[in-house]
Protein backbone atom coordinates (compact mmCIF):
# COMPACT_ATOMS: atom_id res chain seq x y z
CA UNK A 1 95.85 126.81 10.62
CA UNK A 2 95.15 123.29 10.14
CA UNK A 3 95.26 122.65 14.02
CA UNK A 4 92.89 125.19 14.78
CA UNK A 5 90.45 124.12 12.44
CA UNK A 6 90.88 120.73 13.87
CA UNK A 7 92.30 118.99 10.81
CA UNK A 8 95.01 117.21 12.78
CA UNK A 9 96.07 114.98 9.53
CA UNK A 10 96.75 117.94 7.42
CA UNK A 11 98.64 119.84 10.13
CA UNK A 12 100.69 116.66 10.85
CA UNK A 13 101.54 116.66 7.10
CA UNK A 14 102.67 120.24 7.15
CA UNK A 15 104.91 119.71 10.16
CA UNK A 16 106.76 116.90 8.98
CA UNK A 17 107.09 118.45 5.35
CA UNK A 18 108.60 121.34 7.67
CA UNK A 19 110.86 119.41 9.58
CA UNK A 20 111.91 117.74 6.39
CA UNK A 21 112.82 121.14 4.73
CA UNK A 22 114.56 122.30 8.06
CA UNK A 23 116.62 118.86 8.30
CA UNK A 24 118.00 119.59 4.71
CA UNK A 25 119.02 123.31 5.63
CA UNK A 26 120.45 122.07 8.93
CA UNK A 27 122.42 119.33 6.58
CA UNK A 28 123.89 122.26 4.43
CA UNK A 29 125.01 124.19 7.27
CA UNK A 30 125.18 122.02 10.48
CA UNK A 31 127.22 124.15 12.51
CA UNK A 32 124.14 127.05 12.63
CA UNK A 33 122.34 127.32 16.18
CA UNK A 34 119.20 128.46 14.46
CA UNK A 35 119.20 125.51 12.06
CA UNK A 36 119.40 123.01 15.42
CA UNK A 37 116.51 125.04 16.73
CA UNK A 38 114.59 125.28 13.88
CA UNK A 39 114.69 120.91 13.56
CA UNK A 40 114.02 121.23 17.49
CA UNK A 41 111.04 123.24 16.84
CA UNK A 42 109.79 121.42 13.98
CA UNK A 43 109.91 118.25 16.52
CA UNK A 44 108.19 120.08 18.83
CA UNK A 45 105.21 121.06 16.73
CA UNK A 46 104.95 117.23 15.55
CA UNK A 47 104.99 116.04 19.38
CA UNK A 48 102.13 118.70 19.95
CA UNK A 49 100.29 117.03 17.03
CA UNK A 50 100.63 113.30 18.71
CA UNK A 51 99.47 114.56 22.08
CA UNK A 52 96.28 116.00 20.45
CA UNK A 53 95.63 112.61 18.87
CA UNK A 54 96.63 110.87 21.97
CA UNK A 55 99.69 109.15 20.71
CA UNK A 56 101.75 109.66 23.59
CA UNK A 57 104.59 107.42 23.10
CA UNK A 58 105.05 109.26 19.80
CA UNK A 59 104.73 112.39 21.64
CA UNK A 60 107.55 111.51 23.95
CA UNK A 61 109.89 110.34 21.32
CA UNK A 62 109.44 113.60 19.12
CA UNK A 63 109.90 115.48 22.56
CA UNK A 64 112.92 113.60 23.65
CA UNK A 65 114.31 114.09 19.99
CA UNK A 66 114.00 117.73 20.42
CA UNK A 67 115.25 117.69 23.79
CA UNK A 68 118.72 116.38 22.59
CA UNK A 69 119.11 118.70 20.00
CA UNK A 70 118.21 121.67 22.49
CA UNK A 71 120.79 120.15 25.03
CA UNK A 72 123.35 120.40 21.84
CA UNK A 73 122.79 123.90 21.35
CA UNK A 74 123.16 125.07 24.92
CA UNK A 75 126.54 123.24 25.23
CA UNK A 76 127.83 125.42 22.36
CA UNK A 77 126.69 128.94 24.06
CA UNK A 78 125.64 128.16 27.73
CA UNK A 79 125.28 131.78 28.47
CA UNK A 80 122.81 132.51 25.75
CA UNK A 81 119.32 133.14 27.64
CA UNK A 82 117.19 131.94 24.93
CA UNK A 83 119.02 128.56 24.23
CA UNK A 84 118.69 128.13 28.09
CA UNK A 85 115.05 129.28 27.66
CA UNK A 86 114.39 126.62 24.91
CA UNK A 87 115.93 123.97 26.63
CA UNK A 88 114.11 124.48 29.80
CA UNK A 89 110.51 124.43 27.85
CA UNK A 90 111.96 121.03 26.08
CA UNK A 91 112.28 119.56 29.73
CA UNK A 92 109.06 120.55 30.69
CA UNK A 93 107.65 119.02 27.75
CA UNK A 94 109.52 115.89 27.91
CA UNK A 95 108.21 116.23 31.48
CA UNK A 96 104.39 116.50 30.77
CA UNK A 97 104.84 113.69 28.14
CA UNK A 98 106.18 111.24 30.50
CA UNK A 99 103.53 112.12 32.95
CA UNK A 100 101.14 111.46 30.38
CA UNK A 101 102.58 107.92 29.57
CA UNK A 102 102.44 107.23 33.25
CA UNK A 103 106.29 107.34 34.04
CA UNK A 104 106.27 109.86 37.26
CA UNK A 105 109.66 109.47 38.17
CA UNK A 106 110.55 110.66 34.63
CA UNK A 107 108.25 113.32 35.06
CA UNK A 108 109.38 114.72 37.76
CA UNK A 109 113.06 114.46 36.91
CA UNK A 110 112.65 116.40 33.75
CA UNK A 111 110.36 119.07 35.06
CA UNK A 112 113.04 119.67 38.21
CA UNK A 113 115.82 119.79 35.61
CA UNK A 114 113.89 122.24 33.55
CA UNK A 115 114.13 124.78 36.50
CA UNK A 116 117.61 124.94 36.22
CA UNK A 117 117.63 126.72 33.15
CA UNK A 118 115.06 129.29 33.76
């Protein structure tokens, strides 16, 4: 809602609060793939906010953190199509963020790797 209204500061605050809550829930049940996915989603939301601000370095960092979680989730159930789709999306996000940073090799590598999980 705040992002749609152009209030990136308020949106970031909400995303960070959401991440904190999701991380606490994950700590209570570290075996839950849903909790892991929730943390990853919160990191992606923060990354999107960073992109909107032009903060591409932190955008890339947040997307890479999300990607690491998504990779771990897929390892637990490699046949799960939802998990594979999430991983593909995370690879695409890292690729786009790397492109924004001018790292074309990393961008291409991640974008191509993402197609393996579709």
